[in-house]
Amino acid sequence: MDPYVDQRVERRARPGRIRNLFIVLIILAGVLALLNPSIEDFAEYAADDLQEMLGTPLPEGLNQTVVRPLVENIAGRDNYIVFSVFSLPDIQDNTTFLGDITAKKRYLGVFKIFFIEL
């Protein structure tokens, strides 16, 4: 009698583990949906990024009254419930001001604070 024939290993997932994984995925999707960034969150990020790019802090009044409203007006947002993709015209492209506004910088936003340039 072969000793390896009698030793069967059950490799099926247990129903409890699948259910727990499903619950964790539902909770994660809910948290992502609740913390999906708005256009105002992106405007705040873009204003901070502009200050970092310039290397000098902008006056708070200028930041609140000019930069953030400007970003809110020119930014586009594609909402995918659990994350958003924001797009801005690429102002470093010299064709942007000649009427070609198809050149865009795109950013992926999750958890209201993470924005990744795509």
N, C-alpha and C. Protein backbone atom coordinates (compact mmCIF):
# COMPACT_ATOMS: atom_id res chain seq x y z
N MET A 1 0.84 -1.17 0.00
CA MET A 1 0.00 0.00 0.00
C MET A 1 0.89 1.25 0.00
N ASP A 2 0.56 2.16 -0.86
CA ASP A 2 1.36 3.38 -1.03
C ASP A 2 0.96 4.40 0.04
N PRO A 3 1.92 4.90 0.85
CA PRO A 3 1.57 5.84 1.93
C PRO A 3 1.13 7.20 1.40
N TYR A 4 1.50 7.54 0.17
CA TYR A 4 1.16 8.85 -0.37
C TYR A 4 -0.27 8.90 -0.92
N VAL A 5 -0.86 7.80 -1.21
CA VAL A 5 -2.22 7.76 -1.73
C VAL A 5 -3.22 8.11 -0.65
N ASP A 6 -3.00 7.67 0.56
CA ASP A 6 -3.95 7.90 1.64
C ASP A 6 -3.89 9.33 2.19
N GLN A 7 -2.81 10.04 1.94
CA GLN A 7 -2.66 11.39 2.49
C GLN A 7 -3.17 12.41 1.48
N ARG A 8 -4.40 12.77 1.63
CA ARG A 8 -4.98 13.80 0.77
C ARG A 8 -5.00 15.12 1.52
N VAL A 9 -4.61 16.11 0.81
CA VAL A 9 -4.59 17.44 1.42
C VAL A 9 -5.76 18.23 0.86
N GLU A 10 -6.59 18.72 1.74
CA GLU A 10 -7.72 19.54 1.32
C GLU A 10 -7.21 20.96 1.06
N ARG A 11 -7.39 21.43 -0.12
CA ARG A 11 -6.91 22.76 -0.48
C ARG A 11 -8.05 23.74 -0.76
N ARG A 12 -9.23 23.35 -0.48
CA ARG A 12 -10.34 24.27 -0.68
C ARG A 12 -10.38 25.31 0.43
N ALA A 13 -10.77 26.51 0.05
CA ALA A 13 -10.88 27.60 1.04
C ALA A 13 -12.09 27.35 1.92
N ARG A 14 -11.93 27.68 3.14
CA ARG A 14 -13.03 27.53 4.08
C ARG A 14 -14.03 28.67 3.87
N PRO A 15 -15.32 28.38 4.00
CA PRO A 15 -16.32 29.43 3.80
C PRO A 15 -16.15 30.62 4.74
N GLY A 16 -15.67 30.41 5.93
CA GLY A 16 -15.46 31.51 6.88
C GLY A 16 -14.40 32.48 6.41
N ARG A 17 -13.35 31.97 5.79
CA ARG A 17 -12.29 32.85 5.30
C ARG A 17 -12.75 33.69 4.13
N ILE A 18 -13.51 33.09 3.24
CA ILE A 18 -14.02 33.84 2.10
C ILE A 18 -14.97 34.93 2.56
N ARG A 19 -15.82 34.60 3.51
CA ARG A 19 -16.76 35.59 4.04
C ARG A 19 -16.01 36.73 4.72
N ASN A 20 -14.99 36.41 5.50
CA ASN A 20 -14.20 37.45 6.17
C ASN A 20 -13.48 38.34 5.17
N LEU A 21 -12.93 37.74 4.12
CA LEU A 21 -12.26 38.52 3.08
C LEU A 21 -13.26 39.44 2.38
N PHE A 22 -14.43 38.93 2.11
CA PHE A 22 -15.47 39.73 1.48
C PHE A 22 -15.87 40.91 2.37
N ILE A 23 -16.01 40.68 3.66
CA ILE A 23 -16.36 41.75 4.60
C ILE A 23 -15.26 42.81 4.64
N VAL A 24 -14.01 42.39 4.66
CA VAL A 24 -12.90 43.34 4.68
C VAL A 24 -12.89 44.17 3.39
N LEU A 25 -13.14 43.54 2.26
CA LEU A 25 -13.17 44.27 0.99
C LEU A 25 -14.32 45.27 0.94
N ILE A 26 -15.47 44.91 1.49
CA ILE A 26 -16.61 45.83 1.54
C ILE A 26 -16.29 47.02 2.43
N ILE A 27 -15.67 46.76 3.58
CA ILE A 27 -15.30 47.86 4.49
C ILE A 27 -14.27 48.78 3.83
N LEU A 28 -13.28 48.20 3.16
CA LEU A 28 -12.26 49.00 2.47
C LEU A 28 -12.89 49.85 1.37
N ALA A 29 -13.81 49.29 0.60
CA ALA A 29 -14.49 50.06 -0.45
C ALA A 29 -15.31 51.18 0.17
N GLY A 30 -15.96 50.94 1.30
CA GLY A 30 -16.72 51.98 1.98
C GLY A 30 -15.85 53.12 2.48
N VAL A 31 -14.70 52.77 3.04
CA VAL A 31 -13.77 53.80 3.53
C VAL A 31 -13.24 54.62 2.35
N LEU A 32 -12.88 53.93 1.26
CA LEU A 32 -12.40 54.65 0.07
C LEU A 32 -13.48 55.59 -0.47
N ALA A 33 -14.72 55.13 -0.49
CA ALA A 33 -15.81 55.97 -1.00
C ALA A 33 -16.04 57.18 -0.09
N LEU A 34 -15.97 56.98 1.23
CA LEU A 34 -16.16 58.10 2.15
C LEU A 34 -15.03 59.12 2.07
N LEU A 35 -13.83 58.65 1.80
CA LEU A 35 -12.67 59.54 1.77
C LEU A 35 -12.25 59.89 0.35
N ASN A 36 -13.17 59.78 -0.60
CA ASN A 36 -12.88 60.17 -1.97
C ASN A 36 -12.68 61.69 -2.02
N PRO A 37 -11.55 62.17 -2.56
CA PRO A 37 -11.27 63.61 -2.51
C PRO A 37 -12.21 64.42 -3.41
N SER A 38 -12.54 65.60 -2.93
CA SER A 38 -13.37 66.53 -3.71
C SER A 38 -12.46 67.48 -4.47
N ILE A 39 -13.08 68.33 -5.27
CA ILE A 39 -12.32 69.31 -6.04
C ILE A 39 -11.65 70.32 -5.10
N GLU A 40 -12.27 70.59 -3.94
CA GLU A 40 -11.67 71.50 -2.96
C GLU A 40 -10.42 70.88 -2.34
N ASP A 41 -10.45 69.57 -2.09
CA ASP A 41 -9.25 68.88 -1.57
C ASP A 41 -8.11 68.96 -2.57
N PHE A 42 -8.46 68.77 -3.85
CA PHE A 42 -7.44 68.84 -4.88
C PHE A 42 -6.89 70.26 -5.02
N ALA A 43 -7.76 71.27 -4.90
CA ALA A 43 -7.31 72.66 -4.99
C ALA A 43 -6.32 72.98 -3.87
N GLU A 44 -6.58 72.47 -2.68
CA GLU A 44 -5.65 72.67 -1.57
C GLU A 44 -4.31 72.01 -1.86
N TYR A 45 -4.35 70.78 -2.39
CA TYR A 45 -3.11 70.09 -2.75
C TYR A 45 -2.36 70.86 -3.83
N ALA A 46 -3.08 71.33 -4.87
CA ALA A 46 -2.43 72.03 -5.97
C ALA A 46 -1.79 73.34 -5.50
N ALA A 47 -2.44 74.05 -4.59
CA ALA A 47 -1.87 75.30 -4.05
C ALA A 47 -0.60 75.00 -3.26
N ASP A 48 -0.62 73.94 -2.46
CA ASP A 48 0.59 73.56 -1.72
C ASP A 48 1.69 73.11 -2.66
N ASP A 49 1.33 72.41 -3.72
CA ASP A 49 2.31 71.95 -4.70
C ASP A 49 2.92 73.13 -5.45
N LEU A 50 2.11 74.15 -5.73
CA LEU A 50 2.62 75.36 -6.38
C LEU A 50 3.63 76.07 -5.49
N GLN A 51 3.34 76.15 -4.20
CA GLN A 51 4.29 76.77 -3.28
C GLN A 51 5.60 75.99 -3.26
N GLU A 52 5.50 74.68 -3.26
CA GLU A 52 6.70 73.84 -3.26
C GLU A 52 7.49 74.01 -4.55
N MET A 53 6.77 74.13 -5.67
CA MET A 53 7.44 74.30 -6.96
C MET A 53 8.14 75.65 -7.05
N LEU A 54 7.51 76.69 -6.49
CA LEU A 54 8.11 78.02 -6.50
C LEU A 54 9.25 78.15 -5.49
N GLY A 55 9.23 77.34 -4.46
CA GLY A 55 10.26 77.40 -3.44
C GLY A 55 10.06 78.48 -2.41
N THR A 56 8.93 79.15 -2.46
CA THR A 56 8.64 80.20 -1.50
C THR A 56 7.16 80.14 -1.14
N PRO A 57 6.82 80.40 0.11
CA PRO A 57 5.41 80.37 0.48
C PRO A 57 4.64 81.55 -0.11
N LEU A 58 3.43 81.27 -0.55
CA LEU A 58 2.55 82.34 -1.03
C LEU A 58 1.85 82.97 0.16
N PRO A 59 1.54 84.25 0.09
CA PRO A 59 0.75 84.86 1.17
C PRO A 59 -0.59 84.14 1.29
N GLU A 60 -1.06 83.94 2.51
CA GLU A 60 -2.28 83.16 2.73
C GLU A 60 -3.48 83.79 2.03
N GLY A 61 -3.55 85.11 2.00
CA GLY A 61 -4.66 85.78 1.32
C GLY A 61 -4.67 85.48 -0.17
N LEU A 62 -3.50 85.48 -0.79
CA LEU A 62 -3.38 85.17 -2.21
C LEU A 62 -3.75 83.71 -2.46
N ASN A 63 -3.31 82.87 -1.57
CA ASN A 63 -3.59 81.44 -1.69
C ASN A 63 -5.09 81.19 -1.62
N GLN A 64 -5.79 81.81 -0.66
CA GLN A 64 -7.22 81.58 -0.46
C GLN A 64 -8.08 82.27 -1.52
N THR A 65 -7.70 83.46 -1.94
CA THR A 65 -8.57 84.23 -2.82
C THR A 65 -8.29 84.05 -4.30
N VAL A 66 -7.08 83.61 -4.66
CA VAL A 66 -6.75 83.51 -6.09
C VAL A 66 -6.43 82.08 -6.51
N VAL A 67 -5.48 81.46 -5.85
CA VAL A 67 -4.97 80.17 -6.33
C VAL A 67 -6.01 79.07 -6.22
N ARG A 68 -6.58 78.89 -5.04
CA ARG A 68 -7.55 77.80 -4.87
C ARG A 68 -8.79 77.96 -5.74
N PRO A 69 -9.43 79.14 -5.79
CA PRO A 69 -10.58 79.28 -6.69
C PRO A 69 -10.21 79.07 -8.16
N LEU A 70 -9.01 79.50 -8.56
CA LEU A 70 -8.57 79.30 -9.93
C LEU A 70 -8.44 77.80 -10.25
N VAL A 71 -7.83 77.07 -9.34
CA VAL A 71 -7.68 75.62 -9.53
C VAL A 71 -9.05 74.94 -9.55
N GLU A 72 -9.95 75.36 -8.68
CA GLU A 72 -11.29 74.77 -8.65
C GLU A 72 -12.03 74.99 -9.96
N ASN A 73 -11.78 76.14 -10.62
CA ASN A 73 -12.47 76.44 -11.88
C ASN A 73 -11.86 75.74 -13.08
N ILE A 74 -10.54 75.57 -13.11
CA ILE A 74 -9.93 74.99 -14.30
C ILE A 74 -9.69 73.49 -14.19
N ALA A 75 -9.79 72.93 -13.00
CA ALA A 75 -9.54 71.50 -12.83
C ALA A 75 -10.77 70.70 -13.25
N GLY A 76 -10.50 69.56 -13.84
CA GLY A 76 -11.57 68.62 -14.17
C GLY A 76 -11.49 67.43 -13.24
N ARG A 77 -12.64 66.84 -12.95
CA ARG A 77 -12.66 65.70 -12.03
C ARG A 77 -13.48 64.57 -12.63
N ASP A 78 -12.88 63.39 -12.67
CA ASP A 78 -13.59 62.17 -13.04
C ASP A 78 -13.76 61.36 -11.77
N ASN A 79 -15.00 61.22 -11.32
CA ASN A 79 -15.29 60.55 -10.06
C ASN A 79 -15.58 59.07 -10.32
N TYR A 80 -14.79 58.20 -9.70
CA TYR A 80 -14.97 56.76 -9.83
C TYR A 80 -15.39 56.13 -8.49
N ILE A 81 -16.10 56.85 -7.68
CA ILE A 81 -16.65 56.46 -6.38
C ILE A 81 -15.56 56.21 -5.33
N VAL A 82 -14.61 55.31 -5.58
CA VAL A 82 -13.59 55.00 -4.57
C VAL A 82 -12.29 55.79 -4.79
N PHE A 83 -12.18 56.46 -5.92
CA PHE A 83 -11.05 57.35 -6.19
C PHE A 83 -11.49 58.35 -7.24
N SER A 84 -10.71 59.40 -7.43
CA SER A 84 -11.00 60.41 -8.44
C SER A 84 -9.75 60.68 -9.25
N VAL A 85 -9.95 61.05 -10.50
CA VAL A 85 -8.85 61.46 -11.37
C VAL A 85 -9.08 62.93 -11.70
N PHE A 86 -8.10 63.75 -11.35
CA PHE A 86 -8.18 65.19 -11.59
C PHE A 86 -7.27 65.54 -12.76
N SER A 87 -7.67 66.52 -13.54
CA SER A 87 -6.83 66.96 -14.65
C SER A 87 -6.74 68.48 -14.67
N LEU A 88 -5.56 68.95 -14.97
CA LEU A 88 -5.27 70.38 -15.08
C LEU A 88 -4.62 70.63 -16.42
N PRO A 89 -4.87 71.79 -17.04
CA PRO A 89 -4.11 72.13 -18.25
C PRO A 89 -2.63 72.22 -17.93
N ASP A 90 -1.80 71.73 -18.81
CA ASP A 90 -0.36 71.75 -18.60
C ASP A 90 0.17 73.13 -18.98
N ILE A 91 0.41 73.98 -17.99
CA ILE A 91 0.82 75.36 -18.27
C ILE A 91 2.28 75.45 -18.70
N GLN A 92 3.02 74.38 -18.56
CA GLN A 92 4.41 74.41 -19.01
C GLN A 92 4.53 74.04 -20.48
N ASP A 93 3.42 73.62 -21.09
CA ASP A 93 3.38 73.32 -22.51
C ASP A 93 3.06 74.62 -23.24
N ASN A 94 3.91 75.06 -24.16
CA ASN A 94 3.72 76.37 -24.78
C ASN A 94 2.53 76.41 -25.73
N THR A 95 1.95 75.28 -26.10
CA THR A 95 0.78 75.30 -26.98
C THR A 95 -0.51 75.50 -26.22
N THR A 96 -0.48 75.41 -24.90
CA THR A 96 -1.71 75.52 -24.11
C THR A 96 -2.37 76.89 -24.29
N PHE A 97 -1.60 77.94 -24.30
CA PHE A 97 -2.17 79.27 -24.39
C PHE A 97 -2.50 79.67 -25.82
N LEU A 98 -2.19 78.83 -26.78
CA LEU A 98 -2.52 79.11 -28.18
C LEU A 98 -3.82 78.43 -28.60
N GLY A 99 -4.54 77.89 -27.66
CA GLY A 99 -5.83 77.31 -27.96
C GLY A 99 -5.88 75.79 -27.82
N ASP A 100 -4.74 75.13 -27.67
CA ASP A 100 -4.74 73.68 -27.51
C ASP A 100 -4.77 73.37 -26.02
N ILE A 101 -5.96 73.13 -25.51
CA ILE A 101 -6.08 72.85 -24.08
C ILE A 101 -6.23 71.35 -23.84
N THR A 102 -5.84 70.55 -24.81
CA THR A 102 -5.91 69.10 -24.63
C THR A 102 -4.73 68.56 -23.85
N ALA A 103 -3.64 69.34 -23.77
CA ALA A 103 -2.48 68.90 -22.99
C ALA A 103 -2.84 69.04 -21.51
N LYS A 104 -2.86 67.92 -20.82
CA LYS A 104 -3.32 67.92 -19.43
C LYS A 104 -2.36 67.16 -18.54
N LYS A 105 -2.27 67.61 -17.31
CA LYS A 105 -1.62 66.85 -16.25
C LYS A 105 -2.72 66.15 -15.50
N ARG A 106 -2.53 64.87 -15.22
CA ARG A 106 -3.56 64.10 -14.54
C ARG A 106 -3.04 63.60 -13.20
N TYR A 107 -3.92 63.59 -12.21
CA TYR A 107 -3.58 63.19 -10.85
C TYR A 107 -4.63 62.20 -10.35
N LEU A 108 -4.17 61.15 -9.69
CA LEU A 108 -5.05 60.19 -9.05
C LEU A 108 -5.18 60.58 -7.59
N GLY A 109 -6.40 60.73 -7.10
CA GLY A 109 -6.63 61.13 -5.71
C GLY A 109 -7.37 60.06 -4.93
N VAL A 110 -6.82 59.67 -3.78
CA VAL A 110 -7.46 58.72 -2.87
C VAL A 110 -7.27 59.21 -1.44
N PHE A 111 -8.18 58.82 -0.55
CA PHE A 111 -8.11 59.11 0.88
C PHE A 111 -8.00 60.60 1.20
N LYS A 112 -8.47 61.47 0.34
CA LYS A 112 -8.49 62.92 0.53
C LYS A 112 -7.12 63.58 0.64
N ILE A 113 -6.06 62.82 0.83
CA ILE A 113 -4.75 63.45 1.02
C ILE A 113 -3.68 62.94 0.07
N PHE A 114 -3.93 61.84 -0.63
CA PHE A 114 -2.92 61.30 -1.53
C PHE A 114 -3.27 61.64 -2.97
N PHE A 115 -2.37 62.36 -3.63
CA PHE A 115 -2.54 62.71 -5.03
C PHE A 115 -1.27 62.29 -5.76
N ILE A 116 -1.43 61.45 -6.76
CA ILE A 116 -0.30 60.88 -7.48
C ILE A 116 -0.39 61.34 -8.92
N GLU A 117 0.68 61.95 -9.43
CA GLU A 117 0.67 62.39 -10.82
C GLU A 117 0.77 61.17 -11.73
N LEU A 118 -0.14 61.12 -12.68
CA LEU A 118 -0.16 59.98 -13.62
C LEU A 118 0.64 60.29 -14.86
